[in-house]
Amino acid sequence: MAKYVVPEGMLQAAQSAYKAAQSHNIEPILEAALRWQAENSVKPSEKQIREIQDYLPGCGPATLMDQWVRQMWLAPEPETPVAIEDLLLPKNVESGFSKVEVVNQRLREAYRRGRVEALQESLAEMLRREGGEK
């Protein structure tokens, strides 16, 4: 399940509305959070727009905005996804291999992009440098 981040200002607006509420009605609390969002709109950066367009090539403005609304509160992904931790080279690899972070970064990027060939290239480079040993 995706994890969402609630902006501090939105949380404060909702908490203030909760404290002022005279009943157990949640509507004023949600209204306060939505009002905060309307007054503090979150706009995608150029990089985020490009990422959406790369993910959905040829999408129009409506699809782009729909995708932005879906992801604007998503918590950032960890630098190293758990699914590939066992594939990364340890930081204490023998001195004969000095590009551990380069290969590890390529592994992370390959995972993010879902590009099998980039992953294979990184692993092949690692094996070439290590003389084919595992």
N, C-alpha and C. Protein backbone atom coordinates (compact mmCIF):
# COMPACT_ATOMS: atom_id res chain seq x y z
N MET A 1 0.85 -1.17 0.00
CA MET A 1 0.00 0.00 0.00
C MET A 1 0.90 1.24 0.00
N ALA A 2 0.50 2.24 -0.76
CA ALA A 2 1.27 3.47 -0.86
C ALA A 2 1.19 4.25 0.46
N LYS A 3 2.28 4.95 0.76
CA LYS A 3 2.31 5.78 1.95
C LYS A 3 2.19 7.24 1.50
N TYR A 4 1.36 8.00 2.20
CA TYR A 4 1.13 9.39 1.87
C TYR A 4 1.69 10.30 2.95
N VAL A 5 2.13 11.47 2.54
CA VAL A 5 2.67 12.46 3.45
C VAL A 5 1.66 13.60 3.55
N VAL A 6 1.29 13.96 4.76
CA VAL A 6 0.40 15.09 4.99
C VAL A 6 1.28 16.31 5.27
N PRO A 7 1.16 17.36 4.42
CA PRO A 7 1.97 18.56 4.67
C PRO A 7 1.68 19.15 6.05
N GLU A 8 2.71 19.69 6.68
CA GLU A 8 2.57 20.23 8.04
C GLU A 8 1.47 21.27 8.13
N GLY A 9 1.40 22.18 7.16
CA GLY A 9 0.36 23.22 7.19
C GLY A 9 -1.04 22.65 7.12
N MET A 10 -1.23 21.61 6.31
CA MET A 10 -2.54 20.97 6.20
C MET A 10 -2.89 20.29 7.53
N LEU A 11 -1.92 19.65 8.12
CA LEU A 11 -2.14 18.97 9.39
C LEU A 11 -2.53 19.98 10.48
N GLN A 12 -1.83 21.12 10.51
CA GLN A 12 -2.15 22.16 11.50
C GLN A 12 -3.55 22.72 11.28
N ALA A 13 -3.94 22.93 10.02
CA ALA A 13 -5.28 23.43 9.73
C ALA A 13 -6.34 22.44 10.21
N ALA A 14 -6.12 21.16 9.96
CA ALA A 14 -7.07 20.13 10.38
C ALA A 14 -7.12 20.03 11.91
N GLN A 15 -5.96 20.12 12.56
CA GLN A 15 -5.93 20.05 14.02
C GLN A 15 -6.64 21.24 14.65
N SER A 16 -6.46 22.43 14.08
CA SER A 16 -7.14 23.62 14.60
C SER A 16 -8.65 23.47 14.46
N ALA A 17 -9.09 22.96 13.31
CA ALA A 17 -10.53 22.75 13.09
C ALA A 17 -11.07 21.70 14.06
N TYR A 18 -10.26 20.66 14.31
CA TYR A 18 -10.68 19.61 15.24
C TYR A 18 -10.86 20.17 16.65
N LYS A 19 -9.91 21.00 17.09
CA LYS A 19 -9.99 21.59 18.43
C LYS A 19 -11.19 22.52 18.56
N ALA A 20 -11.53 23.21 17.47
CA ALA A 20 -12.64 24.16 17.50
C ALA A 20 -13.99 23.48 17.27
N ALA A 21 -13.98 22.23 16.86
CA ALA A 21 -15.23 21.54 16.53
C ALA A 21 -16.10 21.39 17.77
N GLN A 22 -17.36 21.63 17.58
CA GLN A 22 -18.34 21.52 18.67
C GLN A 22 -19.01 20.15 18.68
N SER A 23 -18.70 19.34 17.68
CA SER A 23 -19.33 18.02 17.60
C SER A 23 -18.32 17.03 17.02
N HIS A 24 -18.78 15.85 16.76
CA HIS A 24 -17.93 14.83 16.17
C HIS A 24 -18.05 14.82 14.66
N ASN A 25 -18.56 15.90 14.10
CA ASN A 25 -18.70 16.03 12.65
C ASN A 25 -17.32 16.25 12.02
N ILE A 26 -16.96 15.39 11.10
CA ILE A 26 -15.63 15.47 10.47
C ILE A 26 -15.58 16.48 9.33
N GLU A 27 -16.74 16.90 8.84
CA GLU A 27 -16.79 17.80 7.68
C GLU A 27 -15.98 19.09 7.87
N PRO A 28 -16.07 19.80 9.00
CA PRO A 28 -15.28 21.01 9.15
C PRO A 28 -13.77 20.75 9.14
N ILE A 29 -13.38 19.59 9.61
CA ILE A 29 -11.96 19.23 9.64
C ILE A 29 -11.45 18.99 8.23
N LEU A 30 -12.23 18.22 7.46
CA LEU A 30 -11.85 17.99 6.07
C LEU A 30 -11.89 19.28 5.26
N GLU A 31 -12.88 20.11 5.55
CA GLU A 31 -12.98 21.40 4.85
C GLU A 31 -11.75 22.26 5.14
N ALA A 32 -11.29 22.27 6.37
CA ALA A 32 -10.11 23.05 6.72
C ALA A 32 -8.87 22.53 5.97
N ALA A 33 -8.74 21.22 5.87
CA ALA A 33 -7.60 20.64 5.14
C ALA A 33 -7.68 20.99 3.66
N LEU A 34 -8.87 20.89 3.08
CA LEU A 34 -9.03 21.23 1.67
C LEU A 34 -8.84 22.72 1.41
N ARG A 35 -9.30 23.54 2.33
CA ARG A 35 -9.08 24.99 2.20
C ARG A 35 -7.58 25.29 2.20
N TRP A 36 -6.85 24.64 3.11
CA TRP A 36 -5.40 24.83 3.15
C TRP A 36 -4.79 24.44 1.80
N GLN A 37 -5.23 23.30 1.25
CA GLN A 37 -4.69 22.85 -0.04
C GLN A 37 -5.00 23.86 -1.13
N ALA A 38 -6.22 24.40 -1.16
CA ALA A 38 -6.59 25.38 -2.18
C ALA A 38 -5.75 26.65 -2.06
N GLU A 39 -5.43 27.05 -0.84
CA GLU A 39 -4.66 28.27 -0.62
C GLU A 39 -3.16 28.05 -0.75
N ASN A 40 -2.72 26.81 -0.68
CA ASN A 40 -1.29 26.47 -0.76
C ASN A 40 -1.09 25.39 -1.82
N SER A 41 -1.50 25.69 -3.02
CA SER A 41 -1.48 24.67 -4.07
C SER A 41 -0.06 24.11 -4.26
N VAL A 42 -0.01 22.85 -4.54
CA VAL A 42 1.25 22.16 -4.76
C VAL A 42 1.37 21.96 -6.26
N LYS A 43 2.35 22.63 -6.84
CA LYS A 43 2.55 22.55 -8.29
C LYS A 43 3.69 21.58 -8.58
N PRO A 44 3.55 20.80 -9.65
CA PRO A 44 4.65 19.89 -9.99
C PRO A 44 5.84 20.68 -10.53
N SER A 45 7.02 20.20 -10.22
CA SER A 45 8.25 20.80 -10.77
C SER A 45 8.38 20.35 -12.22
N GLU A 46 9.27 21.00 -12.94
CA GLU A 46 9.53 20.59 -14.33
C GLU A 46 9.98 19.14 -14.38
N LYS A 47 10.80 18.74 -13.41
CA LYS A 47 11.28 17.35 -13.36
C LYS A 47 10.11 16.38 -13.16
N GLN A 48 9.20 16.73 -12.26
CA GLN A 48 8.05 15.85 -12.01
C GLN A 48 7.15 15.76 -13.24
N ILE A 49 6.99 16.88 -13.95
CA ILE A 49 6.19 16.86 -15.18
C ILE A 49 6.84 15.93 -16.20
N ARG A 50 8.17 16.05 -16.37
CA ARG A 50 8.89 15.18 -17.31
C ARG A 50 8.77 13.71 -16.92
N GLU A 51 8.84 13.43 -15.62
CA GLU A 51 8.72 12.04 -15.16
C GLU A 51 7.35 11.47 -15.50
N ILE A 52 6.30 12.27 -15.32
CA ILE A 52 4.95 11.81 -15.67
C ILE A 52 4.86 11.60 -17.18
N GLN A 53 5.40 12.54 -17.95
CA GLN A 53 5.35 12.42 -19.41
C GLN A 53 6.17 11.22 -19.89
N ASP A 54 7.27 10.92 -19.22
CA ASP A 54 8.05 9.73 -19.57
C ASP A 54 7.28 8.47 -19.24
N TYR A 55 6.56 8.50 -18.13
CA TYR A 55 5.77 7.35 -17.68
C TYR A 55 4.55 7.15 -18.56
N LEU A 56 3.94 8.26 -19.02
CA LEU A 56 2.75 8.22 -19.87
C LEU A 56 3.01 9.03 -21.14
N PRO A 57 3.81 8.50 -22.06
CA PRO A 57 4.15 9.26 -23.27
C PRO A 57 2.89 9.67 -24.03
N GLY A 58 2.90 10.90 -24.52
CA GLY A 58 1.79 11.40 -25.32
C GLY A 58 0.55 11.77 -24.53
N CYS A 59 0.65 11.81 -23.20
CA CYS A 59 -0.54 12.14 -22.41
C CYS A 59 -0.87 13.62 -22.58
N GLY A 60 -2.14 13.92 -22.52
CA GLY A 60 -2.60 15.29 -22.62
C GLY A 60 -2.59 15.96 -21.26
N PRO A 61 -2.95 17.26 -21.23
CA PRO A 61 -2.94 18.01 -19.97
C PRO A 61 -3.85 17.40 -18.90
N ALA A 62 -5.02 16.92 -19.29
CA ALA A 62 -5.95 16.36 -18.30
C ALA A 62 -5.37 15.11 -17.65
N THR A 63 -4.76 14.23 -18.45
CA THR A 63 -4.15 13.01 -17.92
C THR A 63 -2.95 13.35 -17.05
N LEU A 64 -2.17 14.34 -17.48
CA LEU A 64 -1.01 14.78 -16.71
C LEU A 64 -1.45 15.28 -15.34
N MET A 65 -2.48 16.12 -15.30
CA MET A 65 -2.96 16.65 -14.02
C MET A 65 -3.58 15.54 -13.16
N ASP A 66 -4.29 14.64 -13.79
CA ASP A 66 -4.88 13.52 -13.05
C ASP A 66 -3.79 12.69 -12.38
N GLN A 67 -2.72 12.41 -13.12
CA GLN A 67 -1.60 11.64 -12.56
C GLN A 67 -0.92 12.43 -11.45
N TRP A 68 -0.76 13.75 -11.62
CA TRP A 68 -0.13 14.59 -10.59
C TRP A 68 -0.94 14.55 -9.30
N VAL A 69 -2.25 14.69 -9.42
CA VAL A 69 -3.10 14.66 -8.22
C VAL A 69 -2.97 13.32 -7.50
N ARG A 70 -2.82 12.25 -8.26
CA ARG A 70 -2.67 10.93 -7.65
C ARG A 70 -1.37 10.78 -6.88
N GLN A 71 -0.31 11.46 -7.32
CA GLN A 71 0.99 11.21 -6.70
C GLN A 71 1.52 12.36 -5.87
N MET A 72 0.85 13.51 -5.84
CA MET A 72 1.46 14.67 -5.19
C MET A 72 1.65 14.50 -3.68
N TRP A 73 0.90 13.66 -3.04
CA TRP A 73 1.08 13.45 -1.60
C TRP A 73 1.80 12.15 -1.28
N LEU A 74 2.24 11.42 -2.31
CA LEU A 74 2.94 10.16 -2.05
C LEU A 74 4.27 10.42 -1.35
N ALA A 75 4.57 9.59 -0.39
CA ALA A 75 5.86 9.68 0.29
C ALA A 75 6.96 9.30 -0.69
N PRO A 76 8.10 9.95 -0.61
CA PRO A 76 9.18 9.60 -1.53
C PRO A 76 9.64 8.17 -1.31
N GLU A 77 10.06 7.56 -2.40
CA GLU A 77 10.56 6.19 -2.30
C GLU A 77 11.94 6.22 -1.65
N PRO A 78 12.28 5.16 -0.93
CA PRO A 78 13.62 5.13 -0.32
C PRO A 78 14.68 5.11 -1.41
N GLU A 79 15.85 5.63 -1.09
CA GLU A 79 16.96 5.66 -2.05
C GLU A 79 17.24 4.28 -2.61
N THR A 80 17.22 3.27 -1.73
CA THR A 80 17.44 1.90 -2.15
C THR A 80 16.20 1.08 -1.84
N PRO A 81 15.44 0.70 -2.88
CA PRO A 81 14.27 -0.13 -2.63
C PRO A 81 14.66 -1.47 -1.99
N VAL A 82 13.87 -1.93 -1.07
CA VAL A 82 14.14 -3.17 -0.36
C VAL A 82 14.34 -4.33 -1.33
N ALA A 83 13.61 -4.30 -2.45
CA ALA A 83 13.65 -5.40 -3.41
C ALA A 83 15.02 -5.61 -4.03
N ILE A 84 15.91 -4.60 -3.98
CA ILE A 84 17.22 -4.78 -4.61
C ILE A 84 18.38 -4.66 -3.63
N GLU A 85 18.11 -4.55 -2.35
CA GLU A 85 19.19 -4.40 -1.38
C GLU A 85 20.22 -5.51 -1.48
N ASP A 86 19.77 -6.72 -1.73
CA ASP A 86 20.70 -7.84 -1.81
C ASP A 86 21.53 -7.84 -3.09
N LEU A 87 21.18 -7.00 -4.07
CA LEU A 87 21.94 -6.92 -5.32
C LEU A 87 23.06 -5.89 -5.26
N LEU A 88 22.99 -4.96 -4.33
CA LEU A 88 23.98 -3.90 -4.26
C LEU A 88 25.31 -4.42 -3.72
N LEU A 89 26.37 -3.82 -4.23
CA LEU A 89 27.69 -4.20 -3.76
C LEU A 89 27.92 -3.62 -2.37
N PRO A 90 28.59 -4.36 -1.51
CA PRO A 90 28.88 -3.80 -0.18
C PRO A 90 29.89 -2.67 -0.31
N LYS A 91 29.88 -1.75 0.64
CA LYS A 91 30.78 -0.60 0.60
C LYS A 91 32.23 -0.99 0.84
N ASN A 92 32.45 -2.16 1.42
CA ASN A 92 33.82 -2.57 1.74
C ASN A 92 34.39 -3.57 0.73
N VAL A 93 34.02 -3.44 -0.54
CA VAL A 93 34.54 -4.32 -1.58
C VAL A 93 36.04 -4.09 -1.73
N GLU A 94 36.78 -5.13 -2.13
CA GLU A 94 38.23 -5.03 -2.30
C GLU A 94 38.62 -3.79 -3.09
N SER A 95 39.81 -3.29 -2.86
CA SER A 95 40.28 -2.07 -3.50
C SER A 95 40.40 -2.20 -5.01
N GLY A 96 40.39 -3.39 -5.56
CA GLY A 96 40.45 -3.57 -7.01
C GLY A 96 39.21 -3.07 -7.72
N PHE A 97 38.18 -2.78 -6.98
CA PHE A 97 36.93 -2.29 -7.58
C PHE A 97 36.57 -0.98 -6.89
N SER A 98 36.80 0.13 -7.57
CA SER A 98 36.65 1.43 -6.93
C SER A 98 35.35 2.14 -7.26
N LYS A 99 34.50 1.56 -8.09
CA LYS A 99 33.29 2.25 -8.53
C LYS A 99 32.02 1.63 -7.93
N VAL A 100 32.10 1.22 -6.68
CA VAL A 100 30.97 0.58 -6.02
C VAL A 100 29.73 1.47 -6.08
N GLU A 101 29.88 2.73 -5.69
CA GLU A 101 28.71 3.62 -5.68
C GLU A 101 28.15 3.87 -7.07
N VAL A 102 29.03 3.90 -8.07
CA VAL A 102 28.56 4.09 -9.45
C VAL A 102 27.68 2.91 -9.86
N VAL A 103 28.15 1.70 -9.62
CA VAL A 103 27.38 0.52 -9.98
C VAL A 103 26.10 0.45 -9.15
N ASN A 104 26.21 0.73 -7.85
CA ASN A 104 25.01 0.70 -7.01
C ASN A 104 23.98 1.73 -7.48
N GLN A 105 24.43 2.93 -7.86
CA GLN A 105 23.50 3.95 -8.35
C GLN A 105 22.85 3.48 -9.65
N ARG A 106 23.62 2.83 -10.52
CA ARG A 106 23.04 2.29 -11.75
C ARG A 106 22.02 1.21 -11.46
N LEU A 107 22.29 0.39 -10.46
CA LEU A 107 21.32 -0.64 -10.07
C LEU A 107 20.02 0.01 -9.59
N ARG A 108 20.15 1.06 -8.76
CA ARG A 108 18.95 1.76 -8.28
C ARG A 108 18.17 2.37 -9.45
N GLU A 109 18.90 3.01 -10.35
CA GLU A 109 18.24 3.65 -11.49
C GLU A 109 17.58 2.61 -12.40
N ALA A 110 18.27 1.50 -12.62
CA ALA A 110 17.69 0.44 -13.44
C ALA A 110 16.41 -0.09 -12.81
N TYR A 111 16.43 -0.24 -11.50
CA TYR A 111 15.23 -0.70 -10.81
C TYR A 111 14.10 0.29 -10.99
N ARG A 112 14.40 1.58 -10.80
CA ARG A 112 13.37 2.61 -10.92
C ARG A 112 12.78 2.62 -12.31
N ARG A 113 13.60 2.48 -13.30
CA ARG A 113 13.13 2.56 -14.68
C ARG A 113 12.56 1.24 -15.18
N GLY A 114 12.87 0.19 -14.48
CA GLY A 114 12.40 -1.11 -14.94
C GLY A 114 13.16 -1.57 -16.18
N ARG A 115 14.35 -1.07 -16.34
CA ARG A 115 15.13 -1.38 -17.54
C ARG A 115 16.05 -2.56 -17.26
N VAL A 116 15.67 -3.69 -17.77
CA VAL A 116 16.45 -4.90 -17.55
C VAL A 116 17.83 -4.77 -18.18
N GLU A 117 17.92 -4.16 -19.38
CA GLU A 117 19.22 -4.07 -20.03
C GLU A 117 20.20 -3.22 -19.24
N ALA A 118 19.74 -2.16 -18.58
CA ALA A 118 20.64 -1.33 -17.78
C ALA A 118 21.15 -2.13 -16.58
N LEU A 119 20.30 -2.94 -15.99
CA LEU A 119 20.70 -3.78 -14.88
C LEU A 119 21.74 -4.79 -15.34
N GLN A 120 21.52 -5.39 -16.50
CA GLN A 120 22.47 -6.36 -17.03
C GLN A 120 23.81 -5.70 -17.35
N GLU A 121 23.79 -4.48 -17.89
CA GLU A 121 25.03 -3.76 -18.18
C GLU A 121 25.82 -3.50 -16.90
N SER A 122 25.13 -3.07 -15.86
CA SER A 122 25.80 -2.79 -14.60
C SER A 122 26.42 -4.05 -14.01
N LEU A 123 25.69 -5.13 -14.07
CA LEU A 123 26.21 -6.39 -13.55
C LEU A 123 27.37 -6.89 -14.40
N ALA A 124 27.27 -6.75 -15.72
CA ALA A 124 28.37 -7.17 -16.61
C ALA A 124 29.62 -6.35 -16.33
N GLU A 125 29.47 -5.05 -16.13
CA GLU A 125 30.61 -4.19 -15.82
C GLU A 125 31.26 -4.63 -14.51
N MET A 126 30.42 -4.92 -13.54
CA MET A 126 30.95 -5.36 -12.26
C MET A 126 31.73 -6.67 -12.43
N LEU A 127 31.18 -7.59 -13.18
CA LEU A 127 31.85 -8.87 -13.38
C LEU A 127 33.15 -8.72 -14.16
N ARG A 128 33.14 -7.83 -15.17
CA ARG A 128 34.38 -7.58 -15.93
C ARG A 128 35.47 -7.04 -15.01
N ARG A 129 35.12 -6.10 -14.17
CA ARG A 129 36.10 -5.48 -13.28
C ARG A 129 36.59 -6.46 -12.21
N GLU A 130 35.75 -7.36 -11.83
CA GLU A 130 36.13 -8.32 -10.79
C GLU A 130 36.69 -9.61 -11.39
N GLY A 131 36.91 -9.62 -12.71
CA GLY A 131 37.51 -10.79 -13.35
C GLY A 131 36.57 -11.96 -13.47
N GLY A 132 35.26 -11.71 -13.48
CA GLY A 132 34.30 -12.77 -13.65
C GLY A 132 33.97 -13.53 -12.39
N GLU A 133 34.57 -13.14 -11.27
CA GLU A 133 34.29 -13.83 -10.00
C GLU A 133 33.03 -13.26 -9.38
N LYS A 134 32.32 -14.09 -8.68
CA LYS A 134 31.11 -13.65 -7.97
C LYS A 134 31.44 -13.32 -6.55
